[in-house]
Protein backbone atom coordinates (compact mmCIF):
# COMPACT_ATOMS: atom_id res chain seq x y z
CA UNK A 1 29.39 -0.18 7.87
CA UNK A 2 29.02 -3.85 8.76
CA UNK A 3 32.27 -4.03 10.69
CA UNK A 4 31.43 -1.56 13.42
CA UNK A 5 30.74 -3.14 16.81
CA UNK A 6 27.42 -4.98 16.59
CA UNK A 7 25.14 -6.42 19.25
CA UNK A 8 24.21 -9.56 17.30
CA UNK A 9 25.32 -11.16 14.03
CA UNK A 10 23.15 -10.42 11.00
CA UNK A 11 23.97 -13.83 9.48
CA UNK A 12 23.27 -12.53 5.97
CA UNK A 13 26.83 -11.83 4.79
CA UNK A 14 28.35 -14.86 3.15
CA UNK A 15 31.70 -16.11 1.87
CA UNK A 16 31.33 -19.01 -0.55
CA UNK A 17 33.77 -21.53 -1.99
CA UNK A 18 32.46 -23.15 -5.14
CA UNK A 19 34.17 -26.26 -6.57
CA UNK A 20 37.57 -25.23 -5.17
CA UNK A 21 40.22 -27.56 -6.60
CA UNK A 22 44.00 -27.49 -6.21
CA UNK A 23 46.40 -29.66 -8.21
CA UNK A 24 50.12 -29.46 -7.41
CA UNK A 25 52.73 -31.29 -9.48
CA UNK A 26 50.05 -33.51 -10.93
CA UNK A 27 48.64 -34.52 -7.53
CA UNK A 28 45.09 -33.53 -6.58
CA UNK A 29 45.45 -31.93 -3.13
CA UNK A 30 41.91 -30.53 -2.94
CA UNK A 31 38.97 -31.80 -4.96
CA UNK A 32 35.74 -29.90 -5.57
CA UNK A 33 35.42 -28.14 -2.19
CA UNK A 34 32.16 -26.21 -1.82
CA UNK A 35 30.92 -24.58 1.39
CA UNK A 36 29.44 -21.32 2.63
CA UNK A 37 30.47 -19.31 5.70
CA UNK A 38 28.06 -16.81 7.22
CA UNK A 39 29.06 -13.76 9.23
CA UNK A 40 29.15 -14.23 12.98
CA UNK A 41 29.89 -17.94 12.58
CA UNK A 42 33.00 -19.92 13.45
CA UNK A 43 33.78 -22.90 11.22
CA UNK A 44 36.50 -25.40 12.12
CA UNK A 45 38.31 -27.41 9.45
CA UNK A 46 39.32 -30.78 10.83
CA UNK A 47 40.99 -33.79 9.28
CA UNK A 48 44.07 -36.01 9.44
CA UNK A 49 47.57 -34.68 8.81
CA UNK A 50 48.11 -34.15 5.09
CA UNK A 51 44.39 -33.76 4.40
CA UNK A 52 44.84 -30.40 2.65
CA UNK A 53 43.88 -27.97 5.43
CA UNK A 54 46.90 -25.70 4.94
CA UNK A 55 46.51 -25.94 1.16
CA UNK A 56 42.93 -24.70 1.53
CA UNK A 57 44.16 -21.66 3.43
CA UNK A 58 46.90 -21.00 0.85
CA UNK A 59 44.30 -21.06 -1.91
CA UNK A 60 42.05 -18.64 -0.02
CA UNK A 61 45.04 -16.32 0.43
CA UNK A 62 45.81 -16.70 -3.31
CA UNK A 63 49.30 -18.00 -2.57
CA UNK A 64 48.80 -20.98 -4.88
CA UNK A 65 46.76 -21.46 -8.07
CA UNK A 66 43.30 -23.01 -7.81
CA UNK A 67 40.24 -23.70 -9.90
CA UNK A 68 36.78 -22.71 -8.76
CA UNK A 69 35.34 -19.57 -7.18
CA UNK A 70 35.78 -17.70 -3.89
CA UNK A 71 33.16 -14.97 -3.48
CA UNK A 72 31.79 -12.67 -0.79
CA UNK A 73 28.49 -10.81 -0.65
CA UNK A 74 27.37 -8.45 2.10
CA UNK A 75 23.91 -8.24 3.60
CA UNK A 76 22.74 -5.41 1.34
CA UNK A 77 24.20 -6.93 -1.81
CA UNK A 78 26.12 -3.70 -2.37
CA UNK A 79 29.54 -5.38 -2.32
CA UNK A 80 30.19 -8.63 -4.09
CA UNK A 81 33.60 -10.06 -4.90
CA UNK A 82 36.64 -11.43 -3.09
CA UNK A 83 36.35 -11.22 0.72
CA UNK A 84 38.71 -9.10 2.79
CA UNK A 85 40.80 -11.70 4.58
CA UNK A 86 42.75 -11.52 7.84
CA UNK A 87 45.25 -14.28 8.56
CA UNK A 88 46.89 -15.67 11.70
CA UNK A 89 49.64 -18.23 11.02
CA UNK A 90 50.74 -21.02 13.36
CA UNK A 91 53.70 -19.01 14.59
CA UNK A 92 55.87 -16.02 13.81
CA UNK A 93 59.55 -16.65 13.15
CA UNK A 94 61.19 -13.75 15.00
CA UNK A 95 64.81 -13.35 16.06
CA UNK A 96 64.89 -13.34 19.87
CA UNK A 97 67.42 -10.51 20.00
CA UNK A 98 65.90 -8.35 17.26
CA UNK A 99 65.19 -4.82 18.55
CA UNK A 100 61.88 -4.34 16.69
CA UNK A 101 58.94 -3.62 19.00
CA UNK A 102 55.30 -4.56 18.55
CA UNK A 103 54.68 -0.95 17.54
CA UNK A 104 57.42 -1.20 14.88
CA UNK A 105 55.88 -4.46 13.67
CA UNK A 106 52.46 -2.84 13.23
CA UNK A 107 53.87 0.22 11.47
CA UNK A 108 55.88 -1.93 9.06
CA UNK A 109 52.80 -4.04 8.28
CA UNK A 110 50.14 -1.34 8.04
CA UNK A 111 51.78 1.99 7.25
CA UNK A 112 53.10 3.52 4.07
CA UNK A 113 55.78 5.27 6.11
CA UNK A 114 59.16 3.79 7.15
CA UNK A 115 59.00 1.96 10.48
CA UNK A 116 61.97 3.91 11.87
CA UNK A 117 60.06 7.23 11.79
CA UNK A 118 58.40 8.32 15.05
CA UNK A 119 54.77 7.20 14.86
CA UNK A 120 53.12 10.29 16.32
CA UNK A 121 50.35 10.30 18.93
CA UNK A 122 47.50 9.58 16.51
CA UNK A 123 49.16 6.54 14.91
CA UNK A 124 50.29 5.17 18.29
CA UNK A 125 46.73 5.51 19.61
CA UNK A 126 45.40 3.62 16.58
CA UNK A 127 47.87 0.80 17.23
CA UNK A 128 46.90 0.68 20.91
CA UNK A 129 43.22 0.46 19.94
CA UNK A 130 43.96 -2.37 17.50
CA UNK A 131 45.91 -4.27 20.16
CA UNK A 132 43.15 -3.67 22.71
CA UNK A 133 40.78 -5.81 20.59
CA UNK A 134 42.79 -8.84 21.69
CA UNK A 135 43.85 -7.58 25.14
CA UNK A 136 47.41 -6.93 23.97
CA UNK A 137 47.68 -3.13 24.30
CA UNK A 138 50.22 -3.44 27.10
CA UNK A 139 52.61 -5.17 24.69
CA UNK A 140 53.02 -2.19 22.36
CA UNK A 141 56.60 -1.39 23.45
CA UNK A 142 57.75 -4.98 23.99
CA UNK A 143 60.27 -6.56 21.61
CA UNK A 144 58.54 -8.96 19.24
CA UNK A 145 61.27 -11.55 19.76
CA UNK A 146 60.73 -11.51 23.53
CA UNK A 147 57.02 -12.32 23.46
CA UNK A 148 55.64 -15.61 24.70
CA UNK A 149 53.71 -17.86 22.33
CA UNK A 150 50.36 -16.64 23.64
CA UNK A 151 51.42 -12.98 23.49
CA UNK A 152 52.66 -13.40 19.93
CA UNK A 153 49.36 -14.92 18.82
CA UNK A 154 47.40 -12.07 20.39
CA UNK A 155 49.54 -9.55 18.50
CA UNK A 156 49.14 -11.48 15.23
CA UNK A 157 45.40 -11.69 15.80
CA UNK A 158 45.21 -7.92 16.40
CA UNK A 159 47.13 -7.32 13.17
CA UNK A 160 44.83 -9.71 11.25
CA UNK A 161 41.88 -7.60 12.42
CA UNK A 162 43.44 -4.37 11.05
CA UNK A 163 41.50 -3.43 9.01
CA UNK A 164 38.53 -5.57 10.06
CA UNK A 165 38.17 -8.46 7.59
CA UNK A 166 35.15 -10.27 6.22
CA UNK A 167 36.84 -13.62 6.79
CA UNK A 168 39.42 -14.40 9.48
CA UNK A 169 41.67 -17.41 8.80
CA UNK A 170 43.57 -19.12 11.61
CA UNK A 171 45.93 -21.98 10.79
CA UNK A 172 46.44 -24.04 13.98
CA UNK A 173 46.63 -20.79 15.97
CA UNK A 174 47.32 -22.20 19.45
CA UNK A 175 50.48 -24.24 18.85
CA UNK A 176 52.84 -23.86 21.80
CA UNK A 177 50.34 -22.21 24.16
CA UNK A 178 49.79 -23.40 27.71
CA UNK A 179 46.29 -24.40 28.83
CA UNK A 180 45.46 -20.99 30.31
CA UNK A 181 46.61 -19.10 27.22
CA UNK A 182 44.78 -21.54 24.97
CA UNK A 183 41.43 -21.06 26.70
CA UNK A 184 41.88 -17.29 26.82
CA UNK A 185 42.59 -17.21 23.07
CA UNK A 186 39.57 -19.38 22.27
CA UNK A 187 37.25 -17.25 24.39
CA UNK A 188 38.48 -14.07 22.71
CA UNK A 189 37.83 -15.56 19.26
CA UNK A 190 34.30 -16.39 20.34
CA UNK A 191 33.78 -12.81 21.53
CA UNK A 192 35.28 -11.27 18.37
CA UNK A 193 33.00 -13.06 15.93
CA UNK A 194 29.98 -11.83 17.90
CA UNK A 195 31.27 -8.30 18.45
CA UNK A 196 32.36 -7.60 14.86
CA UNK A 197 30.10 -9.95 12.88
CA UNK A 198 32.94 -11.65 11.02
CA UNK A 199 33.28 -15.18 9.69
CA UNK A 200 36.07 -17.24 11.25
CA UNK A 201 37.60 -20.27 9.55
CA UNK A 202 40.25 -22.14 11.50
CA UNK A 203 42.04 -25.43 11.25
CA UNK A 204 42.27 -27.36 14.48
CA UNK A 205 43.20 -30.73 15.94
CA UNK A 206 41.56 -29.74 19.23
CA UNK A 207 38.18 -31.45 18.95
CA UNK A 208 37.18 -30.29 22.44
CA UNK A 209 37.47 -26.70 21.27
CA UNK A 210 35.57 -27.43 18.08
CA UNK A 211 32.74 -29.02 20.06
CA UNK A 212 32.61 -26.13 22.52
CA UNK A 213 32.98 -23.08 20.29
CA UNK A 214 32.49 -23.82 16.59
CA UNK A 215 29.14 -23.39 14.85
CA UNK A 216 30.12 -25.66 11.96
CA UNK A 217 32.74 -28.34 11.38
CA UNK A 218 34.17 -29.24 7.97
CA UNK A 219 35.75 -32.70 7.81
CA UNK A 220 38.41 -32.63 5.12
CA UNK A 221 40.53 -35.34 3.56
CA UNK A 222 41.38 -33.87 0.14
CA UNK A 223 37.61 -33.73 -0.37
CA UNK A 224 34.89 -32.30 1.86
CA UNK A 225 33.62 -35.46 3.55
CA UNK A 226 31.18 -33.90 6.03
CA UNK A 227 29.91 -30.40 6.82
CA UNK A 228 27.48 -29.48 9.57
CA UNK A 229 27.27 -28.89 13.29
CA UNK A 230 30.15 -30.38 15.34
CA UNK A 231 27.71 -32.84 16.93
CA UNK A 232 26.62 -34.08 13.51
CA UNK A 233 30.15 -34.41 12.16
CA UNK A 234 31.60 -36.11 15.25
CA UNK A 235 28.70 -38.57 15.36
CA UNK A 236 29.10 -39.56 11.70
CA UNK A 237 30.56 -42.77 10.34
CA UNK A 238 33.13 -40.88 8.27
CA UNK A 239 34.65 -39.24 11.36
CA UNK A 240 34.74 -42.61 13.14
CA UNK A 241 36.54 -44.17 10.17
CA UNK A 242 39.17 -41.43 10.02
CA UNK A 243 39.67 -41.24 13.80
CA UNK A 244 38.97 -44.72 15.21
CA UNK A 245 38.67 -44.82 18.99
CA UNK A 246 38.18 -41.06 19.37
CA UNK A 247 35.03 -40.02 21.19
CA UNK A 248 34.22 -36.34 21.69
CA UNK A 249 32.18 -35.96 24.85
CA UNK A 250 29.39 -33.44 25.30
CA UNK A 251 31.37 -31.72 28.04
CA UNK A 252 33.91 -30.57 25.47
CA UNK A 253 36.57 -32.99 26.74
CA UNK A 254 38.10 -35.80 24.76
CA UNK A 255 37.86 -39.44 25.64
CA UNK A 256 39.84 -42.23 24.00
CA UNK A 257 43.39 -42.47 22.86
CA UNK A 258 44.76 -40.62 19.87
CA UNK A 259 42.44 -37.65 20.31
CA UNK A 260 45.11 -35.26 19.12
CA UNK A 261 45.97 -36.66 15.67
């Protein structure tokens, strides 16, 4: 199976969007979006606020109606159709005093059995192994409502990888994290795409991260304005017009005011 641990990406599996269009209440939110995402690659969707980034994710998750096609094909051509999608939202709204543990959260999300039943050794081990993918196995008995922002995102990421998807979507996944947690999360994403040969599509305002880690950047403002390597997109006239005064240095650090739109 493609999603076992791999030494290097095969690059042949592909998720494609063809002429993806979303119209809500008579307003065209997304217009004719076409792009392809290969396995083992990380693609960052960037653009100003209100550009349609979240709408794109909602369409991919089939939460809203759209026109166009979303297809996946594996390297052997033996499976063609909608991709298996994992999703990490910006944040998880959890009651701070709620007694549910991370283990309860996983059981409720993944199991056909009631969460209040004892999980058994085999199921608990499976949850620990899933959490270990993101370095969160020690959180299994912690209350969900007591987790920090970084801990919560690691748990959500582990859940999004259970079962292993073809396409992992992350919608502004580092909101509220401190600098150390942010870098740790980014590094783990980079490792995961290489280890499990999955495509990652994330929306981000952190251009330094995009420059450092992403293979491709998609500049969106209701339409796909530019698509290519981060260097190509950041150097283009369209990026300069949308983000005047923002320069993305080769070191992965931002120069100029307004770098975080």
